[in-house]
Amino acid sequence: MPQKAGTNDLARYGGMAVIGVLAYQVFKRYQQAGQSGAKSSGIDTAAVAPPADNGFHPAQAPGGADALSGVFVKAMVAATQADGVIDEDEQRNLAGRLDQLGISSADRRGLAEQLTTPVDLREILNAATSPEVALQIYMASVLAIAVDTPAEKNYLDGLARALKIDPRLKVQVEQTLGRA
C-alpha cells in the first residue's frame, strides 16, 4: 500500500516526476548490473515510482519539488545553449519537455528570456546536493537535446564529470534515453 501512496503523491507533481522515476529505474539497474557483473537490460515497462522517502522522489529535493523543477529547467536551458545555437527544433523540443514537466505557462513565458541569458553552471552544480539530484539533473540535460554537435557532447561529458556521475551510469542514462 505505501507504494500506491507514493505513486499518488508523484501524480500531483505532474510530468516532473517522470525524471525522478526514470532516474530511479536507471540507478536500480546500474546497481544490479554492478552486483551481478551482467549488462543491464532496457527500461522496465512497469514504471516503479521511488518510495516517498527516497532521494529520487521530488518531495525529498532540497527546497521541494518547485525548487527541483526550476533546477531542471535551468539544466535543460544550459544543455540547449551548449553549442551556442538554439535552433527551432531545440526550442520545440525544450518546450515539449517543459510541458511534460508540468511547468506553468507563466514560467514558460520566461523561457524566451532564459534561452538568451547564459545559465550559470555553478548554480546547477550547487543544486546537486545528493547523488540522486545529480543524476536527475544530468538526465534532464540529456533529455533536452539531441546530441548532434561536438560542443553538446563535450558539455554533457563535462557535466557528468562535474556531477560525479560514474561513467557506466552516464552511458546507461544515455542508452535509456536513446542518446547513445
N, C-alpha and C. Protein backbone atom coordinates (compact mmCIF):
# COMPACT_ATOMS: atom_id res chain seq x y z
N MET A 1 0.81 -1.21 0.00
CA MET A 1 0.00 0.00 0.00
C MET A 1 0.85 1.27 0.00
N PRO A 2 1.98 1.33 0.70
CA PRO A 2 2.79 2.54 0.66
C PRO A 2 3.26 2.88 -0.76
N GLN A 3 3.52 1.87 -1.58
CA GLN A 3 3.92 2.13 -2.96
C GLN A 3 2.83 2.91 -3.69
N LYS A 4 1.58 2.53 -3.48
CA LYS A 4 0.45 3.20 -4.13
C LYS A 4 0.37 4.65 -3.66
N ALA A 5 0.55 4.88 -2.39
CA ALA A 5 0.51 6.24 -1.87
C ALA A 5 1.62 7.07 -2.50
N GLY A 6 2.82 6.49 -2.65
CA GLY A 6 3.92 7.20 -3.28
C GLY A 6 3.60 7.56 -4.72
N THR A 7 2.96 6.65 -5.43
CA THR A 7 2.57 6.91 -6.81
C THR A 7 1.57 8.05 -6.88
N ASN A 8 0.60 8.06 -5.97
CA ASN A 8 -0.38 9.15 -5.96
C ASN A 8 0.29 10.48 -5.65
N ASP A 9 1.26 10.47 -4.74
CA ASP A 9 2.00 11.69 -4.44
C ASP A 9 2.73 12.19 -5.69
N LEU A 10 3.34 11.26 -6.44
CA LEU A 10 4.06 11.65 -7.65
C LEU A 10 3.13 12.24 -8.69
N ALA A 11 1.92 11.75 -8.77
CA ALA A 11 0.97 12.25 -9.76
C ALA A 11 0.72 13.74 -9.56
N ARG A 12 0.73 14.18 -8.33
CA ARG A 12 0.47 15.60 -8.10
C ARG A 12 1.65 16.46 -8.53
N TYR A 13 2.83 15.88 -8.69
CA TYR A 13 3.98 16.64 -9.18
C TYR A 13 4.00 16.72 -10.70
N GLY A 14 3.08 16.06 -11.35
CA GLY A 14 2.99 16.13 -12.80
C GLY A 14 4.14 15.42 -13.48
N GLY A 15 4.40 15.86 -14.69
CA GLY A 15 5.42 15.23 -15.51
C GLY A 15 6.82 15.34 -14.95
N MET A 16 7.06 16.31 -14.06
CA MET A 16 8.39 16.46 -13.49
C MET A 16 8.84 15.17 -12.82
N ALA A 17 7.90 14.44 -12.26
CA ALA A 17 8.23 13.21 -11.57
C ALA A 17 8.76 12.15 -12.52
N VAL A 18 8.49 12.29 -13.81
CA VAL A 18 8.98 11.33 -14.78
C VAL A 18 10.50 11.23 -14.72
N ILE A 19 11.16 12.35 -14.58
CA ILE A 19 12.63 12.33 -14.50
C ILE A 19 13.07 11.54 -13.27
N GLY A 20 12.40 11.75 -12.14
CA GLY A 20 12.74 11.00 -10.93
C GLY A 20 12.50 9.52 -11.09
N VAL A 21 11.39 9.15 -11.71
CA VAL A 21 11.08 7.73 -11.92
C VAL A 21 12.11 7.10 -12.85
N LEU A 22 12.42 7.77 -13.96
CA LEU A 22 13.41 7.24 -14.89
C LEU A 22 14.78 7.12 -14.22
N ALA A 23 15.19 8.16 -13.50
CA ALA A 23 16.48 8.14 -12.84
C ALA A 23 16.54 7.03 -11.80
N TYR A 24 15.46 6.83 -11.07
CA TYR A 24 15.38 5.77 -10.07
C TYR A 24 15.55 4.41 -10.73
N GLN A 25 14.85 4.19 -11.85
CA GLN A 25 14.95 2.90 -12.55
C GLN A 25 16.35 2.68 -13.11
N VAL A 26 16.93 3.72 -13.72
CA VAL A 26 18.27 3.60 -14.28
C VAL A 26 19.26 3.28 -13.16
N PHE A 27 19.13 3.97 -12.04
CA PHE A 27 20.05 3.74 -10.93
C PHE A 27 19.90 2.33 -10.37
N LYS A 28 18.67 1.85 -10.25
CA LYS A 28 18.46 0.47 -9.76
C LYS A 28 19.11 -0.54 -10.71
N ARG A 29 18.93 -0.34 -12.02
CA ARG A 29 19.55 -1.26 -13.00
C ARG A 29 21.07 -1.19 -12.93
N TYR A 30 21.59 0.01 -12.76
CA TYR A 30 23.03 0.22 -12.64
C TYR A 30 23.56 -0.54 -11.42
N GLN A 31 22.87 -0.43 -10.29
CA GLN A 31 23.29 -1.14 -9.08
C GLN A 31 23.22 -2.66 -9.30
N GLN A 32 22.16 -3.13 -9.91
CA GLN A 32 22.00 -4.57 -10.15
C GLN A 32 23.08 -5.09 -11.08
N ALA A 33 23.38 -4.33 -12.12
CA ALA A 33 24.43 -4.74 -13.07
C ALA A 33 25.78 -4.77 -12.38
N GLY A 34 26.01 -3.81 -11.48
CA GLY A 34 27.27 -3.78 -10.75
C GLY A 34 27.44 -4.95 -9.82
N GLN A 35 26.35 -5.39 -9.22
CA GLN A 35 26.40 -6.51 -8.29
C GLN A 35 26.55 -7.84 -9.02
N SER A 36 25.87 -7.96 -10.17
CA SER A 36 25.90 -9.24 -10.89
C SER A 36 27.00 -9.27 -11.94
N GLY A 37 27.51 -8.08 -12.31
CA GLY A 37 28.51 -8.02 -13.37
C GLY A 37 27.90 -8.17 -14.75
N ALA A 38 26.59 -8.33 -14.81
CA ALA A 38 25.91 -8.50 -16.10
C ALA A 38 25.55 -7.16 -16.69
N LYS A 39 25.39 -7.16 -17.99
CA LYS A 39 24.94 -5.93 -18.66
C LYS A 39 23.45 -5.79 -18.38
N SER A 40 23.03 -4.57 -18.06
CA SER A 40 21.63 -4.35 -17.72
C SER A 40 20.78 -4.29 -18.97
N SER A 41 19.53 -4.64 -18.79
CA SER A 41 18.59 -4.62 -19.91
C SER A 41 17.93 -3.25 -20.01
N GLY A 42 17.03 -3.09 -20.95
CA GLY A 42 16.33 -1.82 -21.17
C GLY A 42 15.45 -1.43 -20.01
N ILE A 43 14.79 -0.31 -20.19
CA ILE A 43 13.96 0.25 -19.13
C ILE A 43 12.77 -0.66 -18.84
N ASP A 44 12.43 -0.78 -17.60
CA ASP A 44 11.31 -1.58 -17.16
C ASP A 44 10.02 -0.92 -17.62
N THR A 45 9.20 -1.68 -18.33
CA THR A 45 7.95 -1.09 -18.82
C THR A 45 6.96 -0.84 -17.70
N ALA A 46 7.10 -1.52 -16.60
CA ALA A 46 6.23 -1.27 -15.45
C ALA A 46 6.95 -0.28 -14.55
N ALA A 47 6.79 1.00 -14.85
CA ALA A 47 7.50 2.04 -14.11
C ALA A 47 7.18 1.96 -12.63
N VAL A 48 8.23 1.90 -11.85
CA VAL A 48 8.09 1.83 -10.41
C VAL A 48 8.52 3.17 -9.84
N ALA A 49 7.63 3.81 -9.14
CA ALA A 49 7.93 5.11 -8.55
C ALA A 49 8.87 4.93 -7.37
N PRO A 50 9.76 5.88 -7.17
CA PRO A 50 10.62 5.80 -5.98
C PRO A 50 9.77 5.97 -4.72
N PRO A 51 10.14 5.29 -3.65
CA PRO A 51 9.41 5.46 -2.39
C PRO A 51 9.45 6.93 -1.97
N ALA A 52 8.46 7.34 -1.20
CA ALA A 52 8.34 8.75 -0.79
C ALA A 52 9.54 9.23 0.01
N ASP A 53 10.26 8.32 0.66
CA ASP A 53 11.42 8.74 1.45
C ASP A 53 12.73 8.59 0.69
N ASN A 54 12.65 8.34 -0.61
CA ASN A 54 13.82 8.13 -1.45
C ASN A 54 14.29 9.45 -2.06
N GLY A 55 15.57 9.61 -2.27
CA GLY A 55 16.14 10.83 -2.82
C GLY A 55 15.71 11.14 -4.25
N PHE A 56 15.12 10.16 -4.94
CA PHE A 56 14.62 10.40 -6.29
C PHE A 56 13.20 10.95 -6.29
N HIS A 57 12.56 10.97 -5.16
CA HIS A 57 11.19 11.49 -5.05
C HIS A 57 11.26 13.01 -4.98
N PRO A 58 10.45 13.73 -5.80
CA PRO A 58 10.51 15.20 -5.81
C PRO A 58 10.35 15.86 -4.45
N ALA A 59 9.58 15.26 -3.56
CA ALA A 59 9.36 15.86 -2.25
C ALA A 59 10.63 15.87 -1.40
N GLN A 60 11.59 15.02 -1.74
CA GLN A 60 12.82 14.93 -0.96
C GLN A 60 13.88 15.94 -1.40
N ALA A 61 13.64 16.62 -2.49
CA ALA A 61 14.63 17.58 -3.01
C ALA A 61 14.75 18.78 -2.07
N PRO A 62 15.97 19.28 -1.89
CA PRO A 62 16.11 20.50 -1.09
C PRO A 62 15.28 21.63 -1.70
N GLY A 63 14.45 22.24 -0.90
CA GLY A 63 13.57 23.29 -1.40
C GLY A 63 12.27 22.75 -1.96
N GLY A 64 12.14 21.43 -2.02
CA GLY A 64 10.91 20.81 -2.50
C GLY A 64 10.85 20.68 -4.01
N ALA A 65 9.71 20.20 -4.47
CA ALA A 65 9.51 19.91 -5.88
C ALA A 65 9.62 21.16 -6.76
N ASP A 66 9.13 22.29 -6.28
CA ASP A 66 9.20 23.51 -7.09
C ASP A 66 10.64 23.93 -7.34
N ALA A 67 11.47 23.85 -6.33
CA ALA A 67 12.89 24.20 -6.50
C ALA A 67 13.56 23.23 -7.46
N LEU A 68 13.24 21.96 -7.34
CA LEU A 68 13.82 20.95 -8.23
C LEU A 68 13.38 21.19 -9.67
N SER A 69 12.13 21.56 -9.85
CA SER A 69 11.62 21.87 -11.18
C SER A 69 12.41 23.02 -11.80
N GLY A 70 12.68 24.04 -11.01
CA GLY A 70 13.46 25.18 -11.50
C GLY A 70 14.88 24.79 -11.89
N VAL A 71 15.47 23.88 -11.13
CA VAL A 71 16.82 23.39 -11.45
C VAL A 71 16.78 22.61 -12.77
N PHE A 72 15.75 21.79 -12.94
CA PHE A 72 15.63 21.02 -14.19
C PHE A 72 15.53 21.96 -15.39
N VAL A 73 14.73 23.01 -15.25
CA VAL A 73 14.58 23.97 -16.36
C VAL A 73 15.93 24.61 -16.67
N LYS A 74 16.66 25.04 -15.64
CA LYS A 74 17.97 25.65 -15.86
C LYS A 74 18.93 24.66 -16.52
N ALA A 75 18.91 23.41 -16.06
CA ALA A 75 19.78 22.38 -16.64
C ALA A 75 19.44 22.15 -18.10
N MET A 76 18.15 22.13 -18.42
CA MET A 76 17.73 21.92 -19.81
C MET A 76 18.12 23.11 -20.68
N VAL A 77 17.95 24.31 -20.17
CA VAL A 77 18.31 25.51 -20.92
C VAL A 77 19.83 25.52 -21.15
N ALA A 78 20.60 25.21 -20.12
CA ALA A 78 22.06 25.19 -20.25
C ALA A 78 22.49 24.17 -21.31
N ALA A 79 21.88 23.01 -21.31
CA ALA A 79 22.22 21.99 -22.31
C ALA A 79 21.87 22.49 -23.71
N THR A 80 20.73 23.15 -23.82
CA THR A 80 20.30 23.68 -25.12
C THR A 80 21.28 24.75 -25.60
N GLN A 81 21.86 25.50 -24.69
CA GLN A 81 22.80 26.56 -25.04
C GLN A 81 24.22 26.05 -25.32
N ALA A 82 24.47 24.78 -25.08
CA ALA A 82 25.84 24.24 -25.09
C ALA A 82 26.60 24.49 -26.37
N ASP A 83 25.94 24.44 -27.51
CA ASP A 83 26.68 24.63 -28.76
C ASP A 83 26.58 26.05 -29.29
N GLY A 84 25.96 26.94 -28.52
CA GLY A 84 25.86 28.33 -28.92
C GLY A 84 24.78 28.63 -29.94
N VAL A 85 24.06 27.60 -30.38
CA VAL A 85 22.99 27.78 -31.37
C VAL A 85 21.74 27.09 -30.85
N ILE A 86 20.68 27.87 -30.72
CA ILE A 86 19.40 27.30 -30.28
C ILE A 86 18.47 27.38 -31.48
N ASP A 87 18.39 26.25 -32.21
CA ASP A 87 17.56 26.25 -33.41
C ASP A 87 16.10 25.97 -33.07
N GLU A 88 15.25 26.05 -34.06
CA GLU A 88 13.80 25.88 -33.83
C GLU A 88 13.48 24.49 -33.30
N ASP A 89 14.18 23.47 -33.79
CA ASP A 89 13.93 22.11 -33.29
C ASP A 89 14.25 22.02 -31.79
N GLU A 90 15.35 22.63 -31.39
CA GLU A 90 15.71 22.61 -29.97
C GLU A 90 14.69 23.38 -29.14
N GLN A 91 14.21 24.50 -29.65
CA GLN A 91 13.20 25.27 -28.93
C GLN A 91 11.91 24.45 -28.77
N ARG A 92 11.49 23.78 -29.85
CA ARG A 92 10.28 22.95 -29.78
C ARG A 92 10.48 21.78 -28.82
N ASN A 93 11.65 21.15 -28.91
CA ASN A 93 11.94 20.02 -28.02
C ASN A 93 11.91 20.46 -26.57
N LEU A 94 12.55 21.58 -26.28
CA LEU A 94 12.59 22.08 -24.91
C LEU A 94 11.19 22.45 -24.43
N ALA A 95 10.42 23.12 -25.28
CA ALA A 95 9.04 23.48 -24.91
C ALA A 95 8.22 22.22 -24.61
N GLY A 96 8.40 21.19 -25.42
CA GLY A 96 7.70 19.92 -25.19
C GLY A 96 8.09 19.28 -23.88
N ARG A 97 9.38 19.31 -23.58
CA ARG A 97 9.86 18.73 -22.31
C ARG A 97 9.29 19.52 -21.12
N LEU A 98 9.22 20.85 -21.27
CA LEU A 98 8.67 21.66 -20.19
C LEU A 98 7.19 21.35 -19.99
N ASP A 99 6.47 21.09 -21.09
CA ASP A 99 5.07 20.66 -20.98
C ASP A 99 5.00 19.38 -20.17
N GLN A 100 5.88 18.42 -20.49
CA GLN A 100 5.88 17.14 -19.78
C GLN A 100 6.20 17.32 -18.30
N LEU A 101 7.01 18.32 -17.98
CA LEU A 101 7.35 18.57 -16.59
C LEU A 101 6.26 19.32 -15.84
N GLY A 102 5.25 19.76 -16.57
CA GLY A 102 4.16 20.47 -15.92
C GLY A 102 4.52 21.89 -15.53
N ILE A 103 5.45 22.50 -16.25
CA ILE A 103 5.87 23.87 -15.95
C ILE A 103 4.72 24.82 -16.30
N SER A 104 4.44 25.76 -15.43
CA SER A 104 3.31 26.66 -15.62
C SER A 104 3.51 27.55 -16.85
N SER A 105 2.41 28.05 -17.38
CA SER A 105 2.50 28.91 -18.56
C SER A 105 3.26 30.21 -18.24
N ALA A 106 3.13 30.70 -17.04
CA ALA A 106 3.87 31.91 -16.65
C ALA A 106 5.37 31.63 -16.69
N ASP A 107 5.78 30.47 -16.18
CA ASP A 107 7.20 30.12 -16.21
C ASP A 107 7.67 29.89 -17.64
N ARG A 108 6.81 29.34 -18.46
CA ARG A 108 7.19 29.10 -19.85
C ARG A 108 7.36 30.40 -20.62
N ARG A 109 6.60 31.42 -20.25
CA ARG A 109 6.76 32.72 -20.93
C ARG A 109 8.15 33.29 -20.68
N GLY A 110 8.69 33.01 -19.52
CA GLY A 110 10.04 33.47 -19.21
C GLY A 110 11.12 32.67 -19.91
N LEU A 111 10.73 31.60 -20.58
CA LEU A 111 11.69 30.74 -21.25
C LEU A 111 12.46 31.48 -22.34
N ALA A 112 11.79 32.29 -23.12
CA ALA A 112 12.47 33.01 -24.21
C ALA A 112 13.62 33.83 -23.66
N GLU A 113 13.39 34.49 -22.53
CA GLU A 113 14.46 35.28 -21.90
C GLU A 113 15.57 34.37 -21.39
N GLN A 114 15.20 33.25 -20.79
CA GLN A 114 16.21 32.32 -20.27
C GLN A 114 17.08 31.76 -21.38
N LEU A 115 16.47 31.52 -22.55
CA LEU A 115 17.23 30.93 -23.64
C LEU A 115 18.32 31.86 -24.15
N THR A 116 18.13 33.15 -23.97
CA THR A 116 19.13 34.10 -24.45
C THR A 116 20.06 34.58 -23.34
N THR A 117 19.82 34.16 -22.12
CA THR A 117 20.66 34.54 -20.98
C THR A 117 21.50 33.33 -20.58
N PRO A 118 22.81 33.45 -20.58
CA PRO A 118 23.64 32.31 -20.19
C PRO A 118 23.29 31.82 -18.78
N VAL A 119 23.22 30.51 -18.65
CA VAL A 119 22.94 29.90 -17.35
C VAL A 119 24.27 29.73 -16.62
N ASP A 120 24.27 30.05 -15.34
CA ASP A 120 25.46 29.88 -14.51
C ASP A 120 25.54 28.40 -14.11
N LEU A 121 26.50 27.71 -14.70
CA LEU A 121 26.64 26.28 -14.45
C LEU A 121 26.88 25.99 -12.97
N ARG A 122 27.55 26.91 -12.27
CA ARG A 122 27.79 26.70 -10.83
C ARG A 122 26.48 26.57 -10.06
N GLU A 123 25.48 27.33 -10.49
CA GLU A 123 24.18 27.26 -9.83
C GLU A 123 23.57 25.86 -9.98
N ILE A 124 23.69 25.31 -11.16
CA ILE A 124 23.18 23.95 -11.41
C ILE A 124 23.97 22.94 -10.58
N LEU A 125 25.28 23.06 -10.61
CA LEU A 125 26.12 22.12 -9.86
C LEU A 125 25.88 22.23 -8.36
N ASN A 126 25.69 23.44 -7.86
CA ASN A 126 25.42 23.63 -6.42
C ASN A 126 24.08 23.03 -6.00
N ALA A 127 23.16 22.92 -6.95
CA ALA A 127 21.85 22.33 -6.64
C ALA A 127 21.94 20.81 -6.51
N ALA A 128 23.02 20.23 -6.98
CA ALA A 128 23.20 18.78 -6.92
C ALA A 128 23.71 18.40 -5.53
N THR A 129 22.83 18.45 -4.56
CA THR A 129 23.20 18.23 -3.17
C THR A 129 23.24 16.76 -2.77
N SER A 130 22.88 15.89 -3.70
CA SER A 130 22.93 14.46 -3.44
C SER A 130 23.17 13.74 -4.77
N PRO A 131 23.63 12.50 -4.71
CA PRO A 131 23.81 11.75 -5.95
C PRO A 131 22.50 11.59 -6.73
N GLU A 132 21.39 11.49 -6.02
CA GLU A 132 20.09 11.33 -6.68
C GLU A 132 19.71 12.58 -7.47
N VAL A 133 19.91 13.74 -6.86
CA VAL A 133 19.60 15.00 -7.55
C VAL A 133 20.56 15.20 -8.71
N ALA A 134 21.84 14.86 -8.50
CA ALA A 134 22.83 15.00 -9.58
C ALA A 134 22.43 14.16 -10.79
N LEU A 135 22.00 12.93 -10.54
CA LEU A 135 21.60 12.06 -11.64
C LEU A 135 20.37 12.62 -12.36
N GLN A 136 19.43 13.17 -11.63
CA GLN A 136 18.24 13.75 -12.24
C GLN A 136 18.59 14.99 -13.06
N ILE A 137 19.52 15.79 -12.58
CA ILE A 137 19.96 16.98 -13.33
C ILE A 137 20.60 16.53 -14.64
N TYR A 138 21.43 15.50 -14.57
CA TYR A 138 22.06 15.00 -15.79
C TYR A 138 21.00 14.46 -16.75
N MET A 139 20.05 13.72 -16.21
CA MET A 139 19.00 13.15 -17.06
C MET A 139 18.18 14.26 -17.73
N ALA A 140 17.83 15.31 -17.00
CA ALA A 140 17.08 16.42 -17.58
C ALA A 140 17.89 17.07 -18.71
N SER A 141 19.19 17.20 -18.50
CA SER A 141 20.05 17.80 -19.51
C SER A 141 20.10 16.95 -20.78
N VAL A 142 20.22 15.65 -20.61
CA VAL A 142 20.26 14.74 -21.76
C VAL A 142 18.92 14.76 -22.50
N LEU A 143 17.84 14.82 -21.74
CA LEU A 143 16.50 14.87 -22.35
C LEU A 143 16.29 16.11 -23.21
N ALA A 144 16.96 17.20 -22.87
CA ALA A 144 16.70 18.49 -23.51
C ALA A 144 17.22 18.58 -24.93
N ILE A 145 18.23 17.79 -25.26
CA ILE A 145 18.87 17.98 -26.57
C ILE A 145 19.07 16.67 -27.30
N ALA A 146 19.15 16.79 -28.61
CA ALA A 146 19.63 15.71 -29.45
C ALA A 146 21.11 16.03 -29.67
N VAL A 147 21.97 15.19 -29.18
CA VAL A 147 23.40 15.48 -29.21
C VAL A 147 23.89 15.34 -30.65
N ASP A 148 23.94 16.49 -31.35
CA ASP A 148 24.32 16.46 -32.76
C ASP A 148 25.51 17.37 -33.09
N THR A 149 26.18 17.85 -32.04
CA THR A 149 27.39 18.63 -32.26
C THR A 149 28.45 18.21 -31.24
N PRO A 150 29.71 18.35 -31.57
CA PRO A 150 30.76 18.04 -30.59
C PRO A 150 30.64 18.89 -29.32
N ALA A 151 30.21 20.14 -29.46
CA ALA A 151 30.06 21.01 -28.28
C ALA A 151 29.02 20.46 -27.31
N GLU A 152 27.92 19.92 -27.84
CA GLU A 152 26.88 19.34 -26.96
C GLU A 152 27.41 18.08 -26.27
N LYS A 153 28.12 17.24 -27.02
CA LYS A 153 28.69 16.03 -26.42
C LYS A 153 29.69 16.41 -25.33
N ASN A 154 30.55 17.39 -25.64
CA ASN A 154 31.54 17.83 -24.65
C ASN A 154 30.87 18.41 -23.41
N TYR A 155 29.78 19.16 -23.63
CA TYR A 155 29.05 19.74 -22.50
C TYR A 155 28.52 18.63 -21.58
N LEU A 156 27.86 17.64 -22.18
CA LEU A 156 27.29 16.56 -21.37
C LEU A 156 28.39 15.74 -20.68
N ASP A 157 29.49 15.49 -21.38
CA ASP A 157 30.60 14.77 -20.76
C ASP A 157 31.14 15.55 -19.56
N GLY A 158 31.34 16.86 -19.74
CA GLY A 158 31.84 17.70 -18.65
C GLY A 158 30.86 17.80 -17.50
N LEU A 159 29.57 17.90 -17.84
CA LEU A 159 28.54 17.98 -16.80
C LEU A 159 28.53 16.69 -15.97
N ALA A 160 28.60 15.55 -16.65
CA ALA A 160 28.61 14.28 -15.92
C ALA A 160 29.81 14.19 -14.99
N ARG A 161 30.98 14.63 -15.46
CA ARG A 161 32.16 14.63 -14.59
C ARG A 161 31.97 15.56 -13.40
N ALA A 162 31.47 16.77 -13.67
CA ALA A 162 31.28 17.75 -12.59
C ALA A 162 30.26 17.28 -11.56
N LEU A 163 29.26 16.53 -12.03
CA LEU A 163 28.23 16.00 -11.13
C LEU A 163 28.66 14.69 -10.47
N LYS A 164 29.86 14.22 -10.84
CA LYS A 164 30.43 12.97 -10.29
C LYS A 164 29.56 11.75 -10.62
N ILE A 165 29.06 11.73 -11.86
CA ILE A 165 28.28 10.59 -12.34
C ILE A 165 29.27 9.54 -12.85
N ASP A 166 29.17 8.34 -12.34
CA ASP A 166 30.03 7.25 -12.79
C ASP A 166 29.88 7.09 -14.31
N PRO A 167 30.97 6.91 -15.04
CA PRO A 167 30.88 6.78 -16.50
C PRO A 167 29.93 5.67 -16.97
N ARG A 168 29.86 4.56 -16.25
CA ARG A 168 28.93 3.48 -16.65
C ARG A 168 27.48 3.92 -16.45
N LEU A 169 27.23 4.67 -15.39
CA LEU A 169 25.89 5.18 -15.14
C LEU A 169 25.52 6.22 -16.20
N LYS A 170 26.48 7.05 -16.59
CA LYS A 170 26.27 8.04 -17.65
C LYS A 170 25.83 7.35 -18.93
N VAL A 171 26.55 6.30 -19.30
CA VAL A 171 26.21 5.55 -20.52
C VAL A 171 24.82 4.95 -20.40
N GLN A 172 24.49 4.43 -19.23
CA GLN A 172 23.19 3.81 -19.03
C GLN A 172 22.07 4.86 -19.19
N VAL A 173 22.27 6.07 -18.67
CA VAL A 173 21.29 7.14 -18.83
C VAL A 173 21.10 7.43 -20.31
N GLU A 174 22.21 7.61 -21.01
CA GLU A 174 22.14 7.94 -22.42
C GLU A 174 21.49 6.83 -23.25
N GLN A 175 21.77 5.58 -22.92
CA GLN A 175 21.12 4.47 -23.63
C GLN A 175 19.63 4.43 -23.34
N THR A 176 19.28 4.64 -22.09
CA THR A 176 17.87 4.62 -21.71
C THR A 176 17.08 5.69 -22.44
N LEU A 177 17.70 6.85 -22.63
CA LEU A 177 17.01 7.98 -23.28
C LEU A 177 17.23 8.00 -24.79
N GLY A 178 17.87 6.96 -25.31
CA GLY A 178 18.08 6.87 -26.75
C GLY A 178 19.06 7.89 -27.28
N ARG A 179 20.05 8.27 -26.46
CA ARG A 179 21.01 9.29 -26.90
C ARG A 179 22.41 8.70 -27.09
N ALA A 180 22.56 7.39 -26.89
CA ALA A 180 23.89 6.78 -27.02
C ALA A 180 24.16 6.32 -28.43
